[in-house]
Amino acid sequence: MVAIGIGTPIYAGIQAVLSGYVYREAERHDRRSPSILAIATFVFGIVAAVAMGEILLVLVVQAIILVLYLAVQSRSRPAVEP
């Protein structure tokens, strides 16, 4: 059984921030339904933590995915000419 402690609202807040970032990026790239992507990100983050029983592992995986996404985005941007 999953215990609900002081870390639960903190984790939910982190997931909300991550979902907000997903929403902003999806809207910037003109995706069809950014709100559904943001909600799915939030729900899957919570479900993954409950299913795995480990919040830290889920956060590490999400951080790795975010760093890889940002690295690809920085490489795909055209160089700014002076």
N, C-alpha and C. Protein backbone atom coordinates (compact mmCIF):
# COMPACT_ATOMS: atom_id res chain seq x y z
N MET A 1 0.83 -1.18 0.00
CA MET A 1 0.00 0.00 0.00
C MET A 1 0.88 1.25 0.00
N VAL A 2 0.49 2.22 -0.74
CA VAL A 2 1.25 3.44 -0.87
C VAL A 2 0.98 4.35 0.31
N ALA A 3 2.05 4.83 0.92
CA ALA A 3 1.91 5.76 2.05
C ALA A 3 1.87 7.19 1.52
N ILE A 4 1.01 7.97 2.11
CA ILE A 4 0.90 9.38 1.73
C ILE A 4 1.54 10.19 2.84
N GLY A 5 2.61 10.88 2.48
CA GLY A 5 3.33 11.66 3.47
C GLY A 5 3.51 13.09 3.00
N ILE A 6 4.48 13.75 3.61
CA ILE A 6 4.73 15.15 3.28
C ILE A 6 5.29 15.30 1.87
N GLY A 7 5.92 14.28 1.34
CA GLY A 7 6.48 14.35 0.00
C GLY A 7 5.45 14.27 -1.11
N THR A 8 4.26 13.80 -0.80
CA THR A 8 3.23 13.64 -1.82
C THR A 8 2.82 14.96 -2.47
N PRO A 9 2.50 16.00 -1.70
CA PRO A 9 2.15 17.26 -2.37
C PRO A 9 3.35 17.90 -3.08
N ILE A 10 4.54 17.67 -2.57
CA ILE A 10 5.74 18.18 -3.24
C ILE A 10 5.92 17.50 -4.58
N TYR A 11 5.77 16.18 -4.59
CA TYR A 11 5.88 15.43 -5.84
C TYR A 11 4.79 15.84 -6.83
N ALA A 12 3.57 16.02 -6.33
CA ALA A 12 2.48 16.47 -7.21
C ALA A 12 2.78 17.85 -7.77
N GLY A 13 3.38 18.70 -6.97
CA GLY A 13 3.77 20.03 -7.45
C GLY A 13 4.83 19.96 -8.53
N ILE A 14 5.81 19.07 -8.35
CA ILE A 14 6.84 18.88 -9.37
C ILE A 14 6.22 18.37 -10.66
N GLN A 15 5.28 17.46 -10.55
CA GLN A 15 4.60 16.94 -11.73
C GLN A 15 3.77 18.04 -12.40
N ALA A 16 3.19 18.91 -11.61
CA ALA A 16 2.41 20.02 -12.18
C ALA A 16 3.31 20.99 -12.94
N VAL A 17 4.49 21.26 -12.40
CA VAL A 17 5.45 22.14 -13.09
C VAL A 17 5.90 21.49 -14.39
N LEU A 18 6.21 20.20 -14.34
CA LEU A 18 6.62 19.47 -15.54
C LEU A 18 5.49 19.45 -16.58
N SER A 19 4.28 19.27 -16.13
CA SER A 19 3.13 19.28 -17.05
C SER A 19 2.95 20.66 -17.67
N GLY A 20 3.18 21.70 -16.91
CA GLY A 20 3.11 23.05 -17.45
C GLY A 20 4.15 23.28 -18.52
N TYR A 21 5.34 22.73 -18.31
CA TYR A 21 6.40 22.84 -19.31
C TYR A 21 6.02 22.08 -20.59
N VAL A 22 5.46 20.89 -20.42
CA VAL A 22 5.01 20.10 -21.57
C VAL A 22 3.92 20.87 -22.33
N TYR A 23 3.01 21.48 -21.61
CA TYR A 23 1.95 22.26 -22.25
C TYR A 23 2.53 23.42 -23.05
N ARG A 24 3.46 24.14 -22.44
CA ARG A 24 4.06 25.29 -23.12
C ARG A 24 4.82 24.87 -24.38
N GLU A 25 5.58 23.79 -24.30
CA GLU A 25 6.33 23.31 -25.46
C GLU A 25 5.39 22.79 -26.55
N ALA A 26 4.34 22.08 -26.16
CA ALA A 26 3.39 21.56 -27.15
C ALA A 26 2.67 22.70 -27.85
N GLU A 27 2.35 23.74 -27.10
CA GLU A 27 1.68 24.89 -27.70
C GLU A 27 2.64 25.65 -28.62
N ARG A 28 3.89 25.75 -28.22
CA ARG A 28 4.88 26.45 -29.03
C ARG A 28 5.14 25.73 -30.35
N HIS A 29 5.08 24.40 -30.32
CA HIS A 29 5.31 23.61 -31.53
C HIS A 29 4.01 23.33 -32.29
N ASP A 30 2.96 23.98 -31.88
CA ASP A 30 1.67 23.91 -32.57
C ASP A 30 1.10 22.49 -32.64
N ARG A 31 1.15 21.78 -31.53
CA ARG A 31 0.56 20.44 -31.47
C ARG A 31 -0.96 20.56 -31.37
N ARG A 32 -1.64 19.47 -31.68
CA ARG A 32 -3.09 19.50 -31.78
C ARG A 32 -3.77 19.75 -30.43
N SER A 33 -3.38 19.06 -29.38
CA SER A 33 -4.04 19.22 -28.08
C SER A 33 -3.01 19.24 -26.95
N PRO A 34 -2.45 20.40 -26.68
CA PRO A 34 -1.43 20.50 -25.63
C PRO A 34 -1.98 20.22 -24.24
N SER A 35 -3.26 20.52 -24.01
CA SER A 35 -3.81 20.26 -22.67
C SER A 35 -3.91 18.77 -22.38
N ILE A 36 -4.23 17.97 -23.39
CA ILE A 36 -4.28 16.52 -23.18
C ILE A 36 -2.88 15.97 -22.92
N LEU A 37 -1.88 16.48 -23.62
CA LEU A 37 -0.50 16.06 -23.37
C LEU A 37 -0.06 16.41 -21.95
N ALA A 38 -0.43 17.60 -21.49
CA ALA A 38 -0.05 18.02 -20.14
C ALA A 38 -0.75 17.16 -19.09
N ILE A 39 -2.02 16.90 -19.27
CA ILE A 39 -2.75 16.06 -18.33
C ILE A 39 -2.19 14.64 -18.32
N ALA A 40 -1.89 14.11 -19.50
CA ALA A 40 -1.32 12.76 -19.58
C ALA A 40 0.04 12.70 -18.90
N THR A 41 0.84 13.74 -19.04
CA THR A 41 2.14 13.78 -18.37
C THR A 41 1.97 13.74 -16.86
N PHE A 42 1.04 14.52 -16.35
CA PHE A 42 0.78 14.55 -14.91
C PHE A 42 0.30 13.19 -14.41
N VAL A 43 -0.70 12.65 -15.08
CA VAL A 43 -1.29 11.37 -14.65
C VAL A 43 -0.28 10.24 -14.73
N PHE A 44 0.47 10.15 -15.84
CA PHE A 44 1.45 9.07 -15.97
C PHE A 44 2.59 9.21 -14.96
N GLY A 45 2.94 10.45 -14.59
CA GLY A 45 3.96 10.64 -13.57
C GLY A 45 3.50 10.12 -12.22
N ILE A 46 2.25 10.39 -11.87
CA ILE A 46 1.69 9.90 -10.61
C ILE A 46 1.55 8.38 -10.63
N VAL A 47 1.01 7.85 -11.73
CA VAL A 47 0.81 6.40 -11.84
C VAL A 47 2.14 5.67 -11.82
N ALA A 48 3.16 6.21 -12.48
CA ALA A 48 4.48 5.57 -12.49
C ALA A 48 5.07 5.52 -11.09
N ALA A 49 4.91 6.58 -10.33
CA ALA A 49 5.44 6.59 -8.96
C ALA A 49 4.71 5.58 -8.08
N VAL A 50 3.40 5.46 -8.25
CA VAL A 50 2.64 4.50 -7.45
C VAL A 50 2.97 3.07 -7.88
N ALA A 51 3.07 2.84 -9.18
CA ALA A 51 3.34 1.49 -9.68
C ALA A 51 4.75 1.02 -9.31
N MET A 52 5.72 1.93 -9.42
CA MET A 52 7.09 1.56 -9.11
C MET A 52 7.38 1.63 -7.62
N GLY A 53 6.61 2.42 -6.91
CA GLY A 53 6.83 2.55 -5.48
C GLY A 53 8.05 3.38 -5.15
N GLU A 54 8.55 4.09 -6.11
CA GLU A 54 9.76 4.87 -5.89
C GLU A 54 9.67 6.19 -6.64
N ILE A 55 9.60 7.27 -5.90
CA ILE A 55 9.48 8.60 -6.49
C ILE A 55 10.79 9.05 -7.11
N LEU A 56 11.89 8.80 -6.42
CA LEU A 56 13.18 9.28 -6.88
C LEU A 56 13.54 8.71 -8.25
N LEU A 57 13.26 7.45 -8.48
CA LEU A 57 13.55 6.83 -9.77
C LEU A 57 12.75 7.49 -10.89
N VAL A 58 11.49 7.78 -10.64
CA VAL A 58 10.65 8.43 -11.64
C VAL A 58 11.19 9.83 -11.94
N LEU A 59 11.59 10.56 -10.90
CA LEU A 59 12.14 11.90 -11.10
C LEU A 59 13.45 11.87 -11.88
N VAL A 60 14.29 10.88 -11.61
CA VAL A 60 15.55 10.76 -12.35
C VAL A 60 15.29 10.46 -13.82
N VAL A 61 14.37 9.57 -14.10
CA VAL A 61 14.03 9.25 -15.49
C VAL A 61 13.45 10.47 -16.19
N GLN A 62 12.58 11.21 -15.53
CA GLN A 62 12.01 12.42 -16.13
C GLN A 62 13.09 13.47 -16.36
N ALA A 63 14.03 13.60 -15.44
CA ALA A 63 15.12 14.57 -15.61
C ALA A 63 16.01 14.20 -16.79
N ILE A 64 16.29 12.92 -16.95
CA ILE A 64 17.11 12.46 -18.08
C ILE A 64 16.39 12.75 -19.40
N ILE A 65 15.10 12.47 -19.45
CA ILE A 65 14.32 12.74 -20.66
C ILE A 65 14.31 14.24 -20.96
N LEU A 66 14.15 15.07 -19.94
CA LEU A 66 14.13 16.51 -20.14
C LEU A 66 15.48 17.02 -20.64
N VAL A 67 16.57 16.53 -20.08
CA VAL A 67 17.91 16.95 -20.53
C VAL A 67 18.15 16.52 -21.97
N LEU A 68 17.76 15.31 -22.33
CA LEU A 68 17.91 14.86 -23.71
C LEU A 68 17.07 15.71 -24.66
N TYR A 69 15.85 16.04 -24.27
CA TYR A 69 14.99 16.89 -25.11
C TYR A 69 15.63 18.26 -25.32
N LEU A 70 16.13 18.86 -24.24
CA LEU A 70 16.76 20.17 -24.36
C LEU A 70 18.03 20.12 -25.19
N ALA A 71 18.79 19.03 -25.10
CA ALA A 71 19.99 18.88 -25.91
C ALA A 71 19.64 18.79 -27.40
N VAL A 72 18.62 18.04 -27.73
CA VAL A 72 18.20 17.92 -29.12
C VAL A 72 17.67 19.26 -29.63
N GLN A 73 16.92 19.97 -28.80
CA GLN A 73 16.39 21.27 -29.20
C GLN A 73 17.50 22.29 -29.44
N SER A 74 18.54 22.24 -28.63
CA SER A 74 19.63 23.21 -28.81
C SER A 74 20.43 22.90 -30.07
N ARG A 75 20.52 21.65 -30.46
CA ARG A 75 21.25 21.28 -31.67
C ARG A 75 20.44 21.57 -32.93
N SER A 76 19.11 21.52 -32.81
CA SER A 76 18.28 21.70 -34.00
C SER A 76 18.01 23.16 -34.31
N ARG A 77 18.32 24.06 -33.39
CA ARG A 77 18.12 25.49 -33.65
C ARG A 77 19.20 26.00 -34.59
N PRO A 78 18.83 26.85 -35.51
CA PRO A 78 19.86 27.41 -36.41
C PRO A 78 20.76 28.38 -35.65
N ALA A 79 22.01 28.43 -36.08
CA ALA A 79 22.97 29.32 -35.44
C ALA A 79 22.61 30.77 -35.75
N VAL A 80 22.75 31.63 -34.76
CA VAL A 80 22.44 33.03 -34.94
C VAL A 80 23.67 33.72 -35.53
N GLU A 81 23.46 34.41 -36.63
CA GLU A 81 24.57 35.09 -37.27
C GLU A 81 24.71 36.50 -36.71
N PRO A 82 25.94 36.94 -36.41
CA PRO A 82 26.13 38.28 -35.85
C PRO A 82 25.95 39.36 -36.86
